[in-house]
Amino acid sequence: MEKVVRFLQYMWLVIAAVSFCIATYHLILWDITGALFFYFFTGMATLLFYVRKRQLKRFQNMSK
């Protein structure tokens, strides 16, 4: 179970990085309205990364 939580944690981090790159690309080529959605998605993915990180710590503490 710990491996699944760790995988999901890093998956959200990769999604945040990719969406940040896409948002910056949209901001440079077009306008900010197209990039705002991707910046919002970056924030949500980062938040979910920290939620999974906290969940992993609680899971490790419970298994001891």
PDB file of N, CA and C in Angstrom:
ATOM      1  N   MET A   1       0.818  -1.199   0.000  1.00  0.00           N
ATOM      2  CA  MET A   1       0.000   0.000   0.000  1.00  0.00           C
ATOM      3  C   MET A   1       0.858   1.256   0.000  1.00  0.00           C
ATOM      4  N   GLU A   2       2.001   1.149   0.653  1.00  0.00           N
ATOM      5  CA  GLU A   2       2.882   2.312   0.725  1.00  0.00           C
ATOM      6  C   GLU A   2       3.412   2.692  -0.657  1.00  0.00           C
ATOM      7  N   LYS A   3       3.672   1.697  -1.487  1.00  0.00           N
ATOM      8  CA  LYS A   3       4.183   1.972  -2.829  1.00  0.00           C
ATOM      9  C   LYS A   3       3.140   2.681  -3.685  1.00  0.00           C
ATOM     10  N   VAL A   4       1.883   2.327  -3.507  1.00  0.00           N
ATOM     11  CA  VAL A   4       0.808   2.961  -4.271  1.00  0.00           C
ATOM     12  C   VAL A   4       0.682   4.422  -3.884  1.00  0.00           C
ATOM     13  N   VAL A   5       0.724   4.699  -2.592  1.00  0.00           N
ATOM     14  CA  VAL A   5       0.607   6.078  -2.117  1.00  0.00           C
ATOM     15  C   VAL A   5       1.811   6.896  -2.587  1.00  0.00           C
ATOM     16  N   ARG A   6       2.986   6.305  -2.543  1.00  0.00           N
ATOM     17  CA  ARG A   6       4.192   7.003  -3.009  1.00  0.00           C
ATOM     18  C   ARG A   6       4.112   7.277  -4.515  1.00  0.00           C
ATOM     19  N   PHE A   7       3.609   6.312  -5.284  1.00  0.00           N
ATOM     20  CA  PHE A   7       3.440   6.512  -6.720  1.00  0.00           C
ATOM     21  C   PHE A   7       2.469   7.652  -6.997  1.00  0.00           C
ATOM     22  N   LEU A   8       1.342   7.665  -6.300  1.00  0.00           N
ATOM     23  CA  LEU A   8       0.360   8.731  -6.496  1.00  0.00           C
ATOM     24  C   LEU A   8       0.922  10.086  -6.097  1.00  0.00           C
ATOM     25  N   GLN A   9       1.743  10.102  -5.065  1.00  0.00           N
ATOM     26  CA  GLN A   9       2.358  11.342  -4.617  1.00  0.00           C
ATOM     27  C   GLN A   9       3.224  11.927  -5.731  1.00  0.00           C
ATOM     28  N   TYR A  10       4.093  11.122  -6.306  1.00  0.00           N
ATOM     29  CA  TYR A  10       4.968  11.619  -7.356  1.00  0.00           C
ATOM     30  C   TYR A  10       4.241  11.841  -8.675  1.00  0.00           C
ATOM     31  N   MET A  11       3.159  11.117  -8.894  1.00  0.00           N
ATOM     32  CA  MET A  11       2.357  11.353 -10.081  1.00  0.00           C
ATOM     33  C   MET A  11       1.779  12.763 -10.056  1.00  0.00           C
ATOM     34  N   TRP A  12       1.273  13.203  -8.905  1.00  0.00           N
ATOM     35  CA  TRP A  12       0.731  14.557  -8.790  1.00  0.00           C
ATOM     36  C   TRP A  12       1.812  15.608  -8.960  1.00  0.00           C
ATOM     37  N   LEU A  13       3.020  15.315  -8.506  1.00  0.00           N
ATOM     38  CA  LEU A  13       4.122  16.254  -8.682  1.00  0.00           C
ATOM     39  C   LEU A  13       4.482  16.403 -10.163  1.00  0.00           C
ATOM     40  N   VAL A  14       4.491  15.305 -10.897  1.00  0.00           N
ATOM     41  CA  VAL A  14       4.779  15.358 -12.334  1.00  0.00           C
ATOM     42  C   VAL A  14       3.669  16.094 -13.075  1.00  0.00           C
ATOM     43  N   ILE A  15       2.426  15.845 -12.703  1.00  0.00           N
ATOM     44  CA  ILE A  15       1.301  16.537 -13.330  1.00  0.00           C
ATOM     45  C   ILE A  15       1.390  18.034 -13.071  1.00  0.00           C
ATOM     46  N   ALA A  16       1.786  18.420 -11.868  1.00  0.00           N
ATOM     47  CA  ALA A  16       1.940  19.844 -11.548  1.00  0.00           C
ATOM     48  C   ALA A  16       3.038  20.475 -12.396  1.00  0.00           C
ATOM     49  N   ALA A  17       4.146  19.786 -12.561  1.00  0.00           N
ATOM     50  CA  ALA A  17       5.252  20.331 -13.357  1.00  0.00           C
ATOM     51  C   ALA A  17       4.860  20.473 -14.827  1.00  0.00           C
ATOM     52  N   VAL A  18       4.198  19.467 -15.364  1.00  0.00           N
ATOM     53  CA  VAL A  18       3.787  19.511 -16.767  1.00  0.00           C
ATOM     54  C   VAL A  18       2.750  20.611 -16.992  1.00  0.00           C
ATOM     55  N   SER A  19       1.786  20.720 -16.101  1.00  0.00           N
ATOM     56  CA  SER A  19       0.766  21.753 -16.285  1.00  0.00           C
ATOM     57  C   SER A  19       1.351  23.152 -16.100  1.00  0.00           C
ATOM     58  N   PHE A  20       2.377  23.295 -15.261  1.00  0.00           N
ATOM     59  CA  PHE A  20       3.046  24.591 -15.126  1.00  0.00           C
ATOM     60  C   PHE A  20       3.749  24.960 -16.430  1.00  0.00           C
ATOM     61  N   CYS A  21       4.391  23.988 -17.054  1.00  0.00           N
ATOM     62  CA  CYS A  21       5.057  24.252 -18.336  1.00  0.00           C
ATOM     63  C   CYS A  21       4.039  24.616 -19.415  1.00  0.00           C
ATOM     64  N   ILE A  22       2.922  23.928 -19.446  1.00  0.00           N
ATOM     65  CA  ILE A  22       1.878  24.238 -20.424  1.00  0.00           C
ATOM     66  C   ILE A  22       1.299  25.623 -20.167  1.00  0.00           C
ATOM     67  N   ALA A  23       1.101  25.970 -18.901  1.00  0.00           N
ATOM     68  CA  ALA A  23       0.560  27.292 -18.566  1.00  0.00           C
ATOM     69  C   ALA A  23       1.519  28.396 -18.984  1.00  0.00           C
ATOM     70  N   THR A  24       2.786  28.196 -18.754  1.00  0.00           N
ATOM     71  CA  THR A  24       3.769  29.201 -19.159  1.00  0.00           C
ATOM     72  C   THR A  24       3.824  29.315 -20.681  1.00  0.00           C
ATOM     73  N   TYR A  25       3.721  28.209 -21.365  1.00  0.00           N
ATOM     74  CA  TYR A  25       3.682  28.205 -22.823  1.00  0.00           C
ATOM     75  C   TYR A  25       2.476  29.002 -23.328  1.00  0.00           C
ATOM     76  N   HIS A  26       1.318  28.770 -22.730  1.00  0.00           N
ATOM     77  CA  HIS A  26       0.114  29.509 -23.120  1.00  0.00           C
ATOM     78  C   HIS A  26       0.255  30.990 -22.805  1.00  0.00           C
ATOM     79  N   LEU A  27       0.886  31.309 -21.700  1.00  0.00           N
ATOM     80  CA  LEU A  27       1.052  32.705 -21.311  1.00  0.00           C
ATOM     81  C   LEU A  27       1.967  33.439 -22.288  1.00  0.00           C
ATOM     82  N   ILE A  28       2.999  32.777 -22.743  1.00  0.00           N
ATOM     83  CA  ILE A  28       3.942  33.417 -23.662  1.00  0.00           C
ATOM     84  C   ILE A  28       3.338  33.586 -25.055  1.00  0.00           C
ATOM     85  N   LEU A  29       2.685  32.560 -25.549  1.00  0.00           N
ATOM     86  CA  LEU A  29       2.177  32.614 -26.925  1.00  0.00           C
ATOM     87  C   LEU A  29       0.825  33.311 -27.055  1.00  0.00           C
ATOM     88  N   TRP A  30      -0.042  33.114 -26.092  1.00  0.00           N
ATOM     89  CA  TRP A  30      -1.372  33.701 -26.189  1.00  0.00           C
ATOM     90  C   TRP A  30      -1.583  34.678 -25.049  1.00  0.00           C
ATOM     91  N   ASP A  31      -2.700  34.594 -24.381  1.00  0.00           N
ATOM     92  CA  ASP A  31      -2.996  35.533 -23.303  1.00  0.00           C
ATOM     93  C   ASP A  31      -3.143  34.805 -21.976  1.00  0.00           C
ATOM     94  N   ILE A  32      -3.404  35.578 -20.944  1.00  0.00           N
ATOM     95  CA  ILE A  32      -3.442  35.006 -19.602  1.00  0.00           C
ATOM     96  C   ILE A  32      -4.707  34.184 -19.349  1.00  0.00           C
ATOM     97  N   THR A  33      -5.773  34.447 -20.080  1.00  0.00           N
ATOM     98  CA  THR A  33      -7.008  33.709 -19.820  1.00  0.00           C
ATOM     99  C   THR A  33      -6.862  32.224 -20.126  1.00  0.00           C
ATOM    100  N   GLY A  34      -6.120  31.901 -21.163  1.00  0.00           N
ATOM    101  CA  GLY A  34      -5.872  30.492 -21.479  1.00  0.00           C
ATOM    102  C   GLY A  34      -4.946  29.835 -20.487  1.00  0.00           C
ATOM    103  N   ALA A  35      -4.032  30.623 -19.926  1.00  0.00           N
ATOM    104  CA  ALA A  35      -3.050  30.082 -18.983  1.00  0.00           C
ATOM    105  C   ALA A  35      -3.610  29.937 -17.577  1.00  0.00           C
ATOM    106  N   LEU A  36      -4.635  30.704 -17.229  1.00  0.00           N
ATOM    107  CA  LEU A  36      -5.170  30.653 -15.863  1.00  0.00           C
ATOM    108  C   LEU A  36      -5.693  29.275 -15.486  1.00  0.00           C
ATOM    109  N   PHE A  37      -6.330  28.600 -16.426  1.00  0.00           N
ATOM    110  CA  PHE A  37      -6.840  27.259 -16.152  1.00  0.00           C
ATOM    111  C   PHE A  37      -5.695  26.321 -15.787  1.00  0.00           C
ATOM    112  N   PHE A  38      -4.603  26.396 -16.524  1.00  0.00           N
ATOM    113  CA  PHE A  38      -3.473  25.517 -16.248  1.00  0.00           C
ATOM    114  C   PHE A  38      -2.751  25.901 -14.968  1.00  0.00           C
ATOM    115  N   TYR A  39      -2.695  27.202 -14.650  1.00  0.00           N
ATOM    116  CA  TYR A  39      -2.113  27.602 -13.365  1.00  0.00           C
ATOM    117  C   TYR A  39      -2.977  27.116 -12.203  1.00  0.00           C
ATOM    118  N   PHE A  40      -4.286  27.165 -12.371  1.00  0.00           N
ATOM    119  CA  PHE A  40      -5.190  26.636 -11.355  1.00  0.00           C
ATOM    120  C   PHE A  40      -4.981  25.131 -11.188  1.00  0.00           C
ATOM    121  N   PHE A  41      -4.838  24.435 -12.294  1.00  0.00           N
ATOM    122  CA  PHE A  41      -4.606  22.992 -12.242  1.00  0.00           C
ATOM    123  C   PHE A  41      -3.264  22.672 -11.600  1.00  0.00           C
ATOM    124  N   THR A  42      -2.260  23.518 -11.827  1.00  0.00           N
ATOM    125  CA  THR A  42      -0.964  23.358 -11.177  1.00  0.00           C
ATOM    126  C   THR A  42      -1.105  23.472  -9.668  1.00  0.00           C
ATOM    127  N   GLY A  43      -1.874  24.456  -9.227  1.00  0.00           N
ATOM    128  CA  GLY A  43      -2.100  24.626  -7.791  1.00  0.00           C
ATOM    129  C   GLY A  43      -2.831  23.442  -7.176  1.00  0.00           C
ATOM    130  N   MET A  44      -3.833  22.949  -7.870  1.00  0.00           N
ATOM    131  CA  MET A  44      -4.575  21.798  -7.350  1.00  0.00           C
ATOM    132  C   MET A  44      -3.699  20.549  -7.297  1.00  0.00           C
ATOM    133  N   ALA A  45      -2.881  20.335  -8.310  1.00  0.00           N
ATOM    134  CA  ALA A  45      -2.003  19.166  -8.330  1.00  0.00           C
ATOM    135  C   ALA A  45      -0.948  19.274  -7.228  1.00  0.00           C
ATOM    136  N   THR A  46      -0.448  20.476  -6.977  1.00  0.00           N
ATOM    137  CA  THR A  46       0.513  20.671  -5.896  1.00  0.00           C
ATOM    138  C   THR A  46      -0.138  20.404  -4.549  1.00  0.00           C
ATOM    139  N   LEU A  47      -1.356  20.878  -4.381  1.00  0.00           N
ATOM    140  CA  LEU A  47      -2.086  20.613  -3.144  1.00  0.00           C
ATOM    141  C   LEU A  47      -2.292  19.116  -2.938  1.00  0.00           C
ATOM    142  N   LEU A  48      -2.658  18.399  -3.977  1.00  0.00           N
ATOM    143  CA  LEU A  48      -2.856  16.961  -3.866  1.00  0.00           C
ATOM    144  C   LEU A  48      -1.541  16.223  -3.615  1.00  0.00           C
ATOM    145  N   PHE A  49      -0.428  16.764  -4.116  1.00  0.00           N
ATOM    146  CA  PHE A  49       0.884  16.191  -3.807  1.00  0.00           C
ATOM    147  C   PHE A  49       1.141  16.249  -2.303  1.00  0.00           C
ATOM    148  N   TYR A  50       0.876  17.404  -1.697  1.00  0.00           N
ATOM    149  CA  TYR A  50       1.110  17.531  -0.261  1.00  0.00           C
ATOM    150  C   TYR A  50       0.121  16.713   0.572  1.00  0.00           C
ATOM    151  N   VAL A  51      -1.091  16.535   0.079  1.00  0.00           N
ATOM    152  CA  VAL A  51      -2.055  15.674   0.767  1.00  0.00           C
ATOM    153  C   VAL A  51      -1.557  14.232   0.767  1.00  0.00           C
ATOM    154  N   ARG A  52      -1.071  13.766  -0.373  1.00  0.00           N
ATOM    155  CA  ARG A  52      -0.552  12.389  -0.441  1.00  0.00           C
ATOM    156  C   ARG A  52       0.711  12.231   0.395  1.00  0.00           C
ATOM    157  N   LYS A  53       1.526  13.283   0.452  1.00  0.00           N
ATOM    158  CA  LYS A  53       2.738  13.235   1.274  1.00  0.00           C
ATOM    159  C   LYS A  53       2.371  13.091   2.747  1.00  0.00           C
ATOM    160  N   ARG A  54       1.381  13.835   3.173  1.00  0.00           N
ATOM    161  CA  ARG A  54       0.907  13.740   4.557  1.00  0.00           C
ATOM    162  C   ARG A  54       0.279  12.372   4.823  1.00  0.00           C
ATOM    163  N   GLN A  55      -0.458  11.855   3.847  1.00  0.00           N
ATOM    164  CA  GLN A  55      -1.074  10.543   3.982  1.00  0.00           C
ATOM    165  C   GLN A  55      -0.011   9.456   4.102  1.00  0.00           C
ATOM    166  N   LEU A  56       1.074   9.584   3.361  1.00  0.00           N
ATOM    167  CA  LEU A  56       2.151   8.607   3.432  1.00  0.00           C
ATOM    168  C   LEU A  56       2.818   8.624   4.809  1.00  0.00           C
ATOM    169  N   LYS A  57       3.023   9.817   5.367  1.00  0.00           N
ATOM    170  CA  LYS A  57       3.606   9.906   6.710  1.00  0.00           C
ATOM    171  C   LYS A  57       2.694   9.259   7.747  1.00  0.00           C
ATOM    172  N   ARG A  58       1.396   9.529   7.657  1.00  0.00           N
ATOM    173  CA  ARG A  58       0.467   8.906   8.605  1.00  0.00           C
ATOM    174  C   ARG A  58       0.441   7.402   8.429  1.00  0.00           C
ATOM    175  N   PHE A  59       0.498   6.915   7.205  1.00  0.00           N
ATOM    176  CA  PHE A  59       0.489   5.493   6.942  1.00  0.00           C
ATOM    177  C   PHE A  59       1.742   4.830   7.513  1.00  0.00           C
ATOM    178  N   GLN A  60       2.899   5.486   7.372  1.00  0.00           N
ATOM    179  CA  GLN A  60       4.142   4.935   7.920  1.00  0.00           C
ATOM    180  C   GLN A  60       4.124   4.929   9.437  1.00  0.00           C
ATOM    181  N   ASN A  61       3.549   5.968  10.043  1.00  0.00           N
ATOM    182  CA  ASN A  61       3.468   6.002  11.502  1.00  0.00           C
ATOM    183  C   ASN A  61       2.519   4.944  12.049  1.00  0.00           C
ATOM    184  N   MET A  62       1.444   4.676  11.324  1.00  0.00           N
ATOM    185  CA  MET A  62       0.494   3.675  11.781  1.00  0.00           C
ATOM    186  C   MET A  62       1.044   2.259  11.645  1.00  0.00           C
ATOM    187  N   SER A  63       1.920   2.043  10.673  1.00  0.00           N
ATOM    188  CA  SER A  63       2.422   0.705  10.448  1.00  0.00           C
ATOM    189  C   SER A  63       3.560   0.321  11.403  1.00  0.00           C
ATOM    190  N   LYS A  64       4.082   1.283  12.134  1.00  0.00           N
ATOM    191  CA  LYS A  64       5.164   0.985  13.083  1.00  0.00           C
ATOM    192  C   LYS A  64       4.670   0.329  14.330  1.00  0.00           C
TER     193      LYS A  64
END
